[in-house]
């Protein structure tokens, strides 16, 4: 692994544990096993490290063809939620860091808004494919996006993940019933 990647990994870990403001670059260098000057060589200022971590967010999207079950809104939404969970769980440390720092750093907040908007668009695409006659796909996509986003923002604080999963099942079933009633 390159020195730059080790620096980013160390920054991600320390920012998530201690917070951005409480993490000195000397501690990042120490954990990465590099001289402090090398941190500043790659990242002129500490906020540049945070910006580089934001760029590490996964950009891949869920292909509707992978989750849509024609005629079955609920199963399609369950499959979509599972795919979103898998993607959002791919870097729990980075997600934790970004949720933590989004209140105080504009670049992080913008990245989180962009991440949410992309997720809502993916949900909208799946809903449009599985129930083309539904009138309020936008509201349904927004609601499910909010539910998934909320669950992931507090998941690390929830001792019983199965209860969260049960709630999501009920939310998916509710949205599916509402969309079926529209068609």
N, C-alpha and C. Protein backbone atom coordinates (compact mmCIF):
# COMPACT_ATOMS: atom_id res chain seq x y z
N UNK A 1 0.86 -1.17 0.00
CA UNK A 1 0.00 0.00 0.00
C UNK A 1 0.91 1.24 0.00
N UNK A 2 0.54 2.22 -0.81
CA UNK A 2 1.35 3.43 -0.92
C UNK A 2 1.27 4.26 0.36
N UNK A 3 2.23 5.13 0.53
CA UNK A 3 2.25 6.01 1.71
C UNK A 3 1.00 6.90 1.73
N UNK A 4 0.59 7.37 0.57
CA UNK A 4 -0.61 8.23 0.50
C UNK A 4 -1.85 7.47 0.98
N UNK A 5 -1.99 6.21 0.57
CA UNK A 5 -3.13 5.40 1.01
C UNK A 5 -3.05 5.12 2.50
N UNK A 6 -1.85 4.87 3.02
CA UNK A 6 -1.70 4.64 4.47
C UNK A 6 -2.08 5.90 5.24
N UNK A 7 -1.73 7.06 4.72
CA UNK A 7 -2.10 8.33 5.36
C UNK A 7 -3.63 8.48 5.38
N UNK A 8 -4.26 8.20 4.24
CA UNK A 8 -5.72 8.31 4.18
C UNK A 8 -6.40 7.31 5.12
N UNK A 9 -5.88 6.09 5.17
CA UNK A 9 -6.45 5.09 6.08
C UNK A 9 -6.32 5.53 7.54
N UNK A 10 -5.15 6.06 7.89
CA UNK A 10 -4.92 6.53 9.26
C UNK A 10 -5.83 7.72 9.58
N UNK A 11 -5.96 8.64 8.64
CA UNK A 11 -6.82 9.80 8.86
C UNK A 11 -8.28 9.36 9.03
N UNK A 12 -8.72 8.44 8.19
CA UNK A 12 -10.09 7.94 8.30
C UNK A 12 -10.34 7.35 9.68
N UNK A 13 -9.43 6.52 10.13
CA UNK A 13 -9.59 5.87 11.43
C UNK A 13 -9.58 6.88 12.57
N UNK A 14 -8.62 7.79 12.56
CA UNK A 14 -8.51 8.76 13.65
C UNK A 14 -9.62 9.80 13.64
N UNK A 15 -9.99 10.28 12.47
CA UNK A 15 -11.10 11.24 12.39
C UNK A 15 -12.39 10.61 12.91
N UNK A 16 -12.60 9.32 12.57
CA UNK A 16 -13.80 8.64 13.04
C UNK A 16 -13.77 8.43 14.55
N UNK A 17 -12.61 8.12 15.09
CA UNK A 17 -12.48 7.87 16.53
C UNK A 17 -12.51 9.16 17.35
N UNK A 18 -11.71 10.15 16.92
CA UNK A 18 -11.48 11.34 17.74
C UNK A 18 -12.20 12.59 17.23
N UNK A 19 -12.58 12.57 15.96
CA UNK A 19 -13.12 13.76 15.33
C UNK A 19 -12.02 14.48 14.57
N UNK A 20 -12.44 15.24 13.58
CA UNK A 20 -11.50 15.95 12.72
C UNK A 20 -10.67 16.95 13.51
N UNK A 21 -11.34 17.80 14.28
CA UNK A 21 -10.64 18.87 14.98
C UNK A 21 -9.70 18.37 16.06
N UNK A 22 -9.98 17.22 16.65
CA UNK A 22 -9.16 16.70 17.75
C UNK A 22 -8.00 15.81 17.27
N UNK A 23 -7.86 15.67 15.96
CA UNK A 23 -6.82 14.79 15.42
C UNK A 23 -5.67 15.62 14.84
N UNK A 24 -4.50 15.59 15.47
CA UNK A 24 -3.36 16.31 14.90
C UNK A 24 -2.74 15.52 13.74
N UNK A 25 -2.18 16.23 12.79
CA UNK A 25 -1.55 15.55 11.65
C UNK A 25 -0.35 14.72 12.11
N UNK A 26 0.28 15.09 13.20
CA UNK A 26 1.40 14.28 13.71
C UNK A 26 0.92 12.88 14.10
N UNK A 27 -0.27 12.79 14.65
CA UNK A 27 -0.83 11.49 15.04
C UNK A 27 -1.19 10.67 13.79
N UNK A 28 -1.66 11.34 12.75
CA UNK A 28 -1.95 10.65 11.48
C UNK A 28 -0.66 10.07 10.91
N UNK A 29 0.39 10.88 10.91
CA UNK A 29 1.69 10.43 10.39
C UNK A 29 2.20 9.24 11.19
N UNK A 30 2.07 9.33 12.50
CA UNK A 30 2.54 8.24 13.37
C UNK A 30 1.80 6.94 13.06
N UNK A 31 0.48 7.00 12.97
CA UNK A 31 -0.30 5.79 12.69
C UNK A 31 -0.01 5.26 11.29
N UNK A 32 0.22 6.15 10.34
CA UNK A 32 0.52 5.74 8.96
C UNK A 32 1.95 5.24 8.80
N UNK A 33 2.80 5.53 9.80
CA UNK A 33 4.20 5.11 9.71
C UNK A 33 4.99 5.91 8.71
N UNK A 34 4.69 7.22 8.63
CA UNK A 34 5.39 8.10 7.69
C UNK A 34 5.83 9.36 8.43
N UNK A 35 6.82 10.08 7.90
CA UNK A 35 7.19 11.37 8.50
C UNK A 35 6.05 12.38 8.34
N UNK A 36 5.91 13.28 9.30
CA UNK A 36 4.83 14.27 9.27
C UNK A 36 4.90 15.11 7.99
N UNK A 37 6.10 15.41 7.52
CA UNK A 37 6.25 16.20 6.30
C UNK A 37 5.61 15.53 5.09
N UNK A 38 5.56 14.20 5.08
CA UNK A 38 4.96 13.49 3.95
C UNK A 38 3.44 13.69 3.94
N UNK A 39 2.84 13.81 5.11
CA UNK A 39 1.41 14.10 5.18
C UNK A 39 1.15 15.42 4.48
N UNK A 40 1.97 16.42 4.80
CA UNK A 40 1.79 17.76 4.20
C UNK A 40 2.23 17.81 2.74
N UNK A 41 3.07 16.89 2.32
CA UNK A 41 3.44 16.81 0.92
C UNK A 41 2.22 16.40 0.08
N UNK A 42 1.50 15.38 0.55
CA UNK A 42 0.33 14.90 -0.17
C UNK A 42 -0.92 15.75 0.07
N UNK A 43 -1.04 16.29 1.27
CA UNK A 43 -2.23 17.05 1.66
C UNK A 43 -1.78 18.33 2.35
N UNK A 44 -1.78 19.43 1.60
CA UNK A 44 -1.25 20.69 2.06
C UNK A 44 -1.84 21.12 3.41
N UNK A 45 -3.15 20.95 3.54
CA UNK A 45 -3.83 21.33 4.78
C UNK A 45 -4.65 20.14 5.27
N UNK A 46 -4.93 20.12 6.53
CA UNK A 46 -5.72 19.02 7.10
C UNK A 46 -7.10 18.90 6.43
N UNK A 47 -7.79 19.99 6.10
CA UNK A 47 -9.07 19.84 5.39
C UNK A 47 -8.93 19.13 4.03
N UNK A 48 -7.74 19.19 3.43
CA UNK A 48 -7.52 18.46 2.18
C UNK A 48 -7.61 16.94 2.40
N UNK A 49 -7.21 16.49 3.58
CA UNK A 49 -7.36 15.08 3.94
C UNK A 49 -8.84 14.70 4.00
N UNK A 50 -9.63 15.55 4.63
CA UNK A 50 -11.06 15.29 4.74
C UNK A 50 -11.70 15.26 3.35
N UNK A 51 -11.32 16.19 2.50
CA UNK A 51 -11.86 16.22 1.13
C UNK A 51 -11.49 14.94 0.37
N UNK A 52 -10.26 14.45 0.57
CA UNK A 52 -9.84 13.20 -0.10
C UNK A 52 -10.65 12.02 0.41
N UNK A 53 -10.99 12.03 1.69
CA UNK A 53 -11.81 10.95 2.25
C UNK A 53 -13.22 10.99 1.68
N UNK A 54 -13.76 12.18 1.50
CA UNK A 54 -15.09 12.33 0.89
C UNK A 54 -15.09 11.72 -0.51
N UNK A 55 -14.00 11.93 -1.23
CA UNK A 55 -13.91 11.38 -2.60
C UNK A 55 -13.84 9.85 -2.60
N UNK A 56 -13.57 9.24 -1.45
CA UNK A 56 -13.53 7.78 -1.35
C UNK A 56 -14.93 7.16 -1.28
N UNK A 57 -15.96 7.97 -1.15
CA UNK A 57 -17.32 7.43 -1.09
C UNK A 57 -17.59 6.60 -2.33
N UNK A 58 -18.23 5.45 -2.17
CA UNK A 58 -18.53 4.65 -3.36
C UNK A 58 -19.47 5.40 -4.30
N UNK A 59 -19.16 5.38 -5.57
CA UNK A 59 -19.97 6.06 -6.58
C UNK A 59 -20.83 5.08 -7.37
N UNK A 60 -20.63 3.79 -7.13
CA UNK A 60 -21.39 2.82 -7.90
C UNK A 60 -22.87 2.92 -7.56
N UNK A 61 -23.69 2.51 -8.50
CA UNK A 61 -25.13 2.60 -8.29
C UNK A 61 -25.76 1.22 -8.49
N UNK A 62 -26.98 1.12 -8.01
CA UNK A 62 -27.72 -0.13 -8.15
C UNK A 62 -28.43 -0.10 -9.50
N UNK A 63 -28.20 -1.13 -10.29
CA UNK A 63 -28.87 -1.25 -11.58
C UNK A 63 -30.27 -1.80 -11.34
N UNK A 64 -31.32 -1.06 -11.77
CA UNK A 64 -32.68 -1.56 -11.55
C UNK A 64 -32.89 -2.99 -12.05
N UNK A 65 -32.23 -3.35 -13.12
CA UNK A 65 -32.38 -4.71 -13.67
C UNK A 65 -31.94 -5.78 -12.68
N UNK A 66 -31.06 -5.42 -11.76
CA UNK A 66 -30.57 -6.38 -10.76
C UNK A 66 -31.55 -6.60 -9.61
N UNK A 67 -32.50 -5.68 -9.41
CA UNK A 67 -33.38 -5.79 -8.24
C UNK A 67 -34.86 -5.86 -8.58
N UNK A 68 -35.25 -5.39 -9.74
CA UNK A 68 -36.68 -5.34 -10.09
C UNK A 68 -37.21 -6.74 -10.36
N UNK A 69 -38.32 -7.05 -9.72
CA UNK A 69 -39.09 -8.26 -9.99
C UNK A 69 -40.40 -7.76 -10.59
N UNK A 70 -40.59 -7.93 -11.90
CA UNK A 70 -41.78 -7.38 -12.56
C UNK A 70 -43.08 -7.76 -11.83
N UNK A 71 -43.87 -6.74 -11.55
CA UNK A 71 -45.16 -6.95 -10.91
C UNK A 71 -45.11 -7.09 -9.39
N UNK A 72 -43.94 -7.09 -8.80
CA UNK A 72 -43.82 -7.27 -7.34
C UNK A 72 -43.07 -6.09 -6.72
N UNK A 73 -43.82 -5.07 -6.34
CA UNK A 73 -43.22 -3.85 -5.79
C UNK A 73 -42.47 -4.15 -4.50
N UNK A 74 -43.10 -4.89 -3.62
CA UNK A 74 -42.50 -5.13 -2.30
C UNK A 74 -41.19 -5.91 -2.41
N UNK A 75 -41.18 -6.97 -3.17
CA UNK A 75 -39.95 -7.75 -3.32
C UNK A 75 -38.87 -6.92 -4.01
N UNK A 76 -39.25 -6.14 -4.99
CA UNK A 76 -38.28 -5.26 -5.66
C UNK A 76 -37.67 -4.28 -4.67
N UNK A 77 -38.51 -3.69 -3.80
CA UNK A 77 -37.99 -2.74 -2.81
C UNK A 77 -37.11 -3.45 -1.78
N UNK A 78 -37.48 -4.65 -1.37
CA UNK A 78 -36.62 -5.39 -0.43
C UNK A 78 -35.25 -5.67 -1.04
N UNK A 79 -35.26 -6.08 -2.30
CA UNK A 79 -33.98 -6.35 -2.98
C UNK A 79 -33.16 -5.08 -3.13
N UNK A 80 -33.83 -3.97 -3.40
CA UNK A 80 -33.13 -2.69 -3.51
C UNK A 80 -32.53 -2.28 -2.16
N UNK A 81 -33.31 -2.38 -1.10
CA UNK A 81 -32.81 -2.02 0.23
C UNK A 81 -31.61 -2.89 0.59
N UNK A 82 -31.65 -4.17 0.27
CA UNK A 82 -30.51 -5.05 0.54
C UNK A 82 -29.27 -4.59 -0.23
N UNK A 83 -29.45 -4.20 -1.48
CA UNK A 83 -28.32 -3.71 -2.28
C UNK A 83 -27.78 -2.39 -1.72
N UNK A 84 -28.67 -1.50 -1.30
CA UNK A 84 -28.24 -0.23 -0.70
C UNK A 84 -27.51 -0.48 0.62
N UNK A 85 -28.04 -1.40 1.42
CA UNK A 85 -27.38 -1.74 2.69
C UNK A 85 -25.97 -2.24 2.44
N UNK A 86 -25.83 -3.11 1.45
CA UNK A 86 -24.52 -3.67 1.14
C UNK A 86 -23.53 -2.56 0.75
N UNK A 87 -24.00 -1.65 -0.07
CA UNK A 87 -23.12 -0.56 -0.49
C UNK A 87 -22.79 0.38 0.66
N UNK A 88 -23.80 0.75 1.45
CA UNK A 88 -23.56 1.68 2.56
C UNK A 88 -22.72 1.04 3.66
N UNK A 89 -22.79 -0.29 3.79
CA UNK A 89 -22.01 -0.99 4.81
C UNK A 89 -20.58 -1.27 4.36
N UNK A 90 -20.25 -0.95 3.11
CA UNK A 90 -18.93 -1.29 2.60
C UNK A 90 -17.83 -0.53 3.33
N UNK A 91 -18.13 0.61 3.91
CA UNK A 91 -17.14 1.36 4.67
C UNK A 91 -17.80 2.02 5.88
N UNK A 92 -18.07 1.22 6.91
CA UNK A 92 -18.77 1.79 8.08
C UNK A 92 -17.96 2.88 8.78
N UNK A 93 -16.65 2.75 8.79
CA UNK A 93 -15.81 3.76 9.43
C UNK A 93 -15.91 5.09 8.69
N UNK A 94 -15.83 5.04 7.36
CA UNK A 94 -15.94 6.26 6.57
C UNK A 94 -17.33 6.86 6.71
N UNK A 95 -18.35 6.04 6.70
CA UNK A 95 -19.71 6.56 6.89
C UNK A 95 -19.86 7.23 8.24
N UNK A 96 -19.34 6.61 9.28
CA UNK A 96 -19.40 7.19 10.63
C UNK A 96 -18.70 8.54 10.65
N UNK A 97 -17.53 8.60 10.06
CA UNK A 97 -16.77 9.84 10.00
C UNK A 97 -17.56 10.93 9.28
N UNK A 98 -18.15 10.59 8.15
CA UNK A 98 -18.85 11.60 7.36
C UNK A 98 -20.11 12.09 8.06
N UNK A 99 -20.85 11.18 8.71
CA UNK A 99 -22.01 11.63 9.48
C UNK A 99 -21.57 12.58 10.57
N UNK A 100 -20.45 12.26 11.23
CA UNK A 100 -19.96 13.07 12.33
C UNK A 100 -19.55 14.46 11.86
N UNK A 101 -18.86 14.53 10.76
CA UNK A 101 -18.26 15.80 10.31
C UNK A 101 -19.18 16.62 9.41
N UNK A 102 -20.32 16.09 9.03
CA UNK A 102 -21.19 16.83 8.10
C UNK A 102 -21.77 18.10 8.72
N UNK A 103 -21.85 18.16 10.03
CA UNK A 103 -22.38 19.36 10.68
C UNK A 103 -21.43 20.55 10.61
N UNK A 104 -20.14 20.28 10.49
CA UNK A 104 -19.17 21.38 10.59
C UNK A 104 -18.34 21.61 9.33
N UNK A 105 -18.48 20.76 8.33
CA UNK A 105 -17.67 20.92 7.11
C UNK A 105 -18.57 20.90 5.88
N UNK A 106 -18.57 22.00 5.16
CA UNK A 106 -19.44 22.15 3.99
C UNK A 106 -19.21 21.07 2.94
N UNK A 107 -17.94 20.72 2.67
CA UNK A 107 -17.65 19.73 1.64
C UNK A 107 -18.25 18.37 2.00
N UNK A 108 -18.18 18.04 3.28
CA UNK A 108 -18.74 16.77 3.73
C UNK A 108 -20.27 16.81 3.63
N UNK A 109 -20.86 17.90 4.07
CA UNK A 109 -22.31 18.04 4.02
C UNK A 109 -22.80 17.95 2.56
N UNK A 110 -22.12 18.61 1.65
CA UNK A 110 -22.50 18.54 0.24
C UNK A 110 -22.37 17.12 -0.31
N UNK A 111 -21.31 16.42 0.10
CA UNK A 111 -21.13 15.03 -0.34
C UNK A 111 -22.24 14.14 0.19
N UNK A 112 -22.64 14.37 1.44
CA UNK A 112 -23.72 13.58 2.03
C UNK A 112 -25.06 13.87 1.33
N UNK A 113 -25.31 15.14 1.01
CA UNK A 113 -26.53 15.48 0.26
C UNK A 113 -26.50 14.81 -1.12
N UNK A 114 -25.36 14.85 -1.77
CA UNK A 114 -25.23 14.21 -3.08
C UNK A 114 -25.45 12.70 -2.99
N UNK A 115 -24.90 12.10 -1.95
CA UNK A 115 -25.07 10.67 -1.72
C UNK A 115 -26.56 10.34 -1.54
N UNK A 116 -27.26 11.15 -0.75
CA UNK A 116 -28.69 10.93 -0.52
C UNK A 116 -29.47 11.12 -1.81
N UNK A 117 -29.18 12.18 -2.56
CA UNK A 117 -29.90 12.44 -3.81
C UNK A 117 -29.72 11.29 -4.81
N UNK A 118 -28.50 10.74 -4.88
CA UNK A 118 -28.26 9.60 -5.78
C UNK A 118 -29.06 8.38 -5.34
N UNK A 119 -29.13 8.16 -4.02
CA UNK A 119 -29.89 7.02 -3.51
C UNK A 119 -31.38 7.19 -3.84
N UNK A 120 -31.93 8.38 -3.65
CA UNK A 120 -33.35 8.62 -3.96
C UNK A 120 -33.60 8.41 -5.45
N UNK A 121 -32.67 8.83 -6.29
CA UNK A 121 -32.84 8.61 -7.73
C UNK A 121 -32.82 7.12 -8.06
N UNK A 122 -31.97 6.36 -7.40
CA UNK A 122 -31.95 4.92 -7.63
C UNK A 122 -33.28 4.28 -7.22
N UNK A 123 -33.82 4.71 -6.09
CA UNK A 123 -35.11 4.20 -5.64
C UNK A 123 -36.20 4.59 -6.64
N UNK A 124 -36.17 5.84 -7.09
CA UNK A 124 -37.15 6.32 -8.07
C UNK A 124 -37.08 5.48 -9.35
N UNK A 125 -35.87 5.17 -9.81
CA UNK A 125 -35.71 4.37 -11.03
C UNK A 125 -36.31 2.97 -10.87
N UNK A 126 -36.09 2.37 -9.71
CA UNK A 126 -36.64 1.04 -9.45
C UNK A 126 -38.16 1.11 -9.39
N UNK A 127 -38.69 2.09 -8.69
CA UNK A 127 -40.15 2.22 -8.58
C UNK A 127 -40.79 2.48 -9.94
N UNK A 128 -40.16 3.30 -10.75
CA UNK A 128 -40.70 3.58 -12.08
C UNK A 128 -40.70 2.31 -12.95
N UNK A 129 -39.69 1.46 -12.74
CA UNK A 129 -39.62 0.22 -13.52
C UNK A 129 -40.63 -0.82 -13.07
N UNK A 130 -40.89 -0.89 -11.77
CA UNK A 130 -41.75 -1.95 -11.24
C UNK A 130 -43.22 -1.54 -11.19
N UNK A 131 -43.51 -0.24 -11.10
CA UNK A 131 -44.92 0.20 -11.07
C UNK A 131 -45.06 1.47 -11.90
N UNK A 132 -45.00 1.32 -13.22
CA UNK A 132 -45.00 2.49 -14.10
C UNK A 132 -46.24 3.37 -14.02
N UNK A 133 -47.35 2.87 -13.53
CA UNK A 133 -48.56 3.68 -13.47
C UNK A 133 -48.73 4.45 -12.18
N UNK A 134 -47.83 4.28 -11.23
CA UNK A 134 -47.97 4.94 -9.93
C UNK A 134 -47.75 6.44 -10.08
N UNK A 135 -48.61 7.21 -9.44
CA UNK A 135 -48.58 8.66 -9.59
C UNK A 135 -47.55 9.33 -8.69
N UNK A 136 -47.32 8.79 -7.50
CA UNK A 136 -46.48 9.50 -6.54
C UNK A 136 -45.17 8.76 -6.25
N UNK A 137 -44.48 8.37 -7.29
CA UNK A 137 -43.21 7.68 -7.17
C UNK A 137 -42.18 8.57 -6.46
N UNK A 138 -42.22 9.88 -6.73
CA UNK A 138 -41.25 10.79 -6.12
C UNK A 138 -41.36 10.79 -4.60
N UNK A 139 -42.58 10.88 -4.08
CA UNK A 139 -42.76 10.87 -2.62
C UNK A 139 -42.35 9.54 -2.02
N UNK A 140 -42.71 8.45 -2.68
CA UNK A 140 -42.34 7.13 -2.18
C UNK A 140 -40.82 6.96 -2.16
N UNK A 141 -40.14 7.43 -3.21
CA UNK A 141 -38.69 7.33 -3.27
C UNK A 141 -38.04 8.16 -2.17
N UNK A 142 -38.55 9.34 -1.95
CA UNK A 142 -38.02 10.22 -0.90
C UNK A 142 -38.21 9.58 0.48
N UNK A 143 -39.40 9.04 0.73
CA UNK A 143 -39.68 8.41 2.02
C UNK A 143 -38.77 7.22 2.28
N UNK A 144 -38.62 6.36 1.28
CA UNK A 144 -37.76 5.19 1.47
C UNK A 144 -36.30 5.63 1.61
N UNK A 145 -35.90 6.63 0.85
CA UNK A 145 -34.53 7.15 0.98
C UNK A 145 -34.27 7.69 2.38
N UNK A 146 -35.25 8.41 2.92
CA UNK A 146 -35.10 8.92 4.29
C UNK A 146 -35.01 7.78 5.30
N UNK A 147 -35.82 6.75 5.12
CA UNK A 147 -35.80 5.62 6.05
C UNK A 147 -34.46 4.89 6.00
N UNK A 148 -33.95 4.63 4.80
CA UNK A 148 -32.67 3.95 4.66
C UNK A 148 -31.55 4.81 5.23
N UNK A 149 -31.57 6.08 4.89
CA UNK A 149 -30.54 7.00 5.37
C UNK A 149 -30.54 7.11 6.89
N UNK A 150 -31.72 7.26 7.47
CA UNK A 150 -31.83 7.35 8.93
C UNK A 150 -31.29 6.08 9.58
N UNK A 151 -31.71 4.95 9.05
CA UNK A 151 -31.27 3.68 9.63
C UNK A 151 -29.75 3.56 9.62
N UNK A 152 -29.13 3.98 8.54
CA UNK A 152 -27.68 3.89 8.46
C UNK A 152 -26.98 4.93 9.33
N UNK A 153 -27.63 6.06 9.54
CA UNK A 153 -26.98 7.08 10.37
C UNK A 153 -26.98 6.71 11.84
N UNK A 154 -27.92 5.88 12.28
CA UNK A 154 -27.99 5.51 13.70
C UNK A 154 -27.69 4.03 13.93
N UNK A 155 -27.41 3.29 12.89
CA UNK A 155 -27.21 1.85 13.02
C UNK A 155 -26.10 1.51 14.02
N UNK A 156 -25.05 2.30 14.03
CA UNK A 156 -23.94 2.00 14.93
C UNK A 156 -24.32 2.17 16.40
N UNK A 157 -25.44 2.84 16.66
CA UNK A 157 -25.90 3.06 18.03
C UNK A 157 -27.01 2.10 18.43
N UNK A 158 -27.42 1.23 17.53
CA UNK A 158 -28.56 0.36 17.77
C UNK A 158 -28.06 -1.02 18.20
N UNK A 159 -28.34 -1.41 19.43
CA UNK A 159 -27.84 -2.71 19.89
C UNK A 159 -28.55 -3.88 19.21
N UNK A 160 -29.81 -3.71 18.81
CA UNK A 160 -30.56 -4.81 18.21
C UNK A 160 -30.86 -4.49 16.75
N UNK A 161 -29.93 -4.89 15.87
CA UNK A 161 -30.08 -4.61 14.44
C UNK A 161 -31.32 -5.30 13.89
N UNK A 162 -31.71 -6.44 14.44
CA UNK A 162 -32.88 -7.15 13.91
C UNK A 162 -34.15 -6.31 14.07
N UNK A 163 -34.25 -5.52 15.14
CA UNK A 163 -35.42 -4.65 15.32
C UNK A 163 -35.45 -3.59 14.22
N UNK A 164 -34.29 -3.03 13.89
CA UNK A 164 -34.22 -2.05 12.79
C UNK A 164 -34.63 -2.71 11.48
N UNK A 165 -34.19 -3.95 11.26
CA UNK A 165 -34.54 -4.66 10.03
C UNK A 165 -36.06 -4.89 9.97
N UNK A 166 -36.66 -5.23 11.11
CA UNK A 166 -38.12 -5.43 11.14
C UNK A 166 -38.85 -4.13 10.81
N UNK A 167 -38.37 -3.03 11.33
CA UNK A 167 -38.99 -1.73 11.01
C UNK A 167 -38.90 -1.43 9.53
N UNK A 168 -37.75 -1.71 8.94
CA UNK A 168 -37.56 -1.45 7.51
C UNK A 168 -38.51 -2.33 6.70
N UNK A 169 -38.69 -3.58 7.11
CA UNK A 169 -39.63 -4.46 6.42
C UNK A 169 -41.04 -3.85 6.44
N UNK A 170 -41.45 -3.32 7.58
CA UNK A 170 -42.78 -2.71 7.68
C UNK A 170 -42.87 -1.46 6.81
N UNK A 171 -41.80 -0.67 6.77
CA UNK A 171 -41.80 0.54 5.95
C UNK A 171 -41.88 0.19 4.46
N UNK A 172 -41.13 -0.82 4.05
CA UNK A 172 -41.16 -1.26 2.65
C UNK A 172 -42.56 -1.77 2.31
N UNK A 173 -43.16 -2.56 3.19
CA UNK A 173 -44.50 -3.09 2.94
C UNK A 173 -45.52 -1.95 2.84
N UNK A 174 -45.39 -0.95 3.70
CA UNK A 174 -46.30 0.20 3.68
C UNK A 174 -46.21 0.95 2.34
N UNK A 175 -45.00 1.23 1.90
CA UNK A 175 -44.80 1.94 0.64
C UNK A 175 -45.33 1.12 -0.53
N UNK A 176 -45.07 -0.19 -0.51
CA UNK A 176 -45.55 -1.06 -1.59
C UNK A 176 -47.08 -1.06 -1.64
N UNK A 177 -47.74 -1.15 -0.47
CA UNK A 177 -49.22 -1.13 -0.45
C UNK A 177 -49.73 0.20 -1.00
N UNK A 178 -49.11 1.29 -0.61
CA UNK A 178 -49.56 2.60 -1.07
C UNK A 178 -49.41 2.72 -2.59
N UNK A 179 -48.32 2.23 -3.13
CA UNK A 179 -48.11 2.31 -4.58
C UNK A 179 -49.07 1.39 -5.33
N UNK A 180 -49.31 0.20 -4.79
CA UNK A 180 -50.25 -0.72 -5.44
C UNK A 180 -51.65 -0.13 -5.45
N UNK A 181 -52.01 0.60 -4.41
CA UNK A 181 -53.34 1.23 -4.34
C UNK A 181 -53.51 2.32 -5.38
N UNK A 182 -52.40 2.94 -5.80
CA UNK A 182 -52.46 4.01 -6.79
C UNK A 182 -52.67 3.48 -8.21
N UNK A 183 -52.13 2.31 -8.48
CA UNK A 183 -52.12 1.80 -9.85
C UNK A 183 -53.48 1.29 -10.26
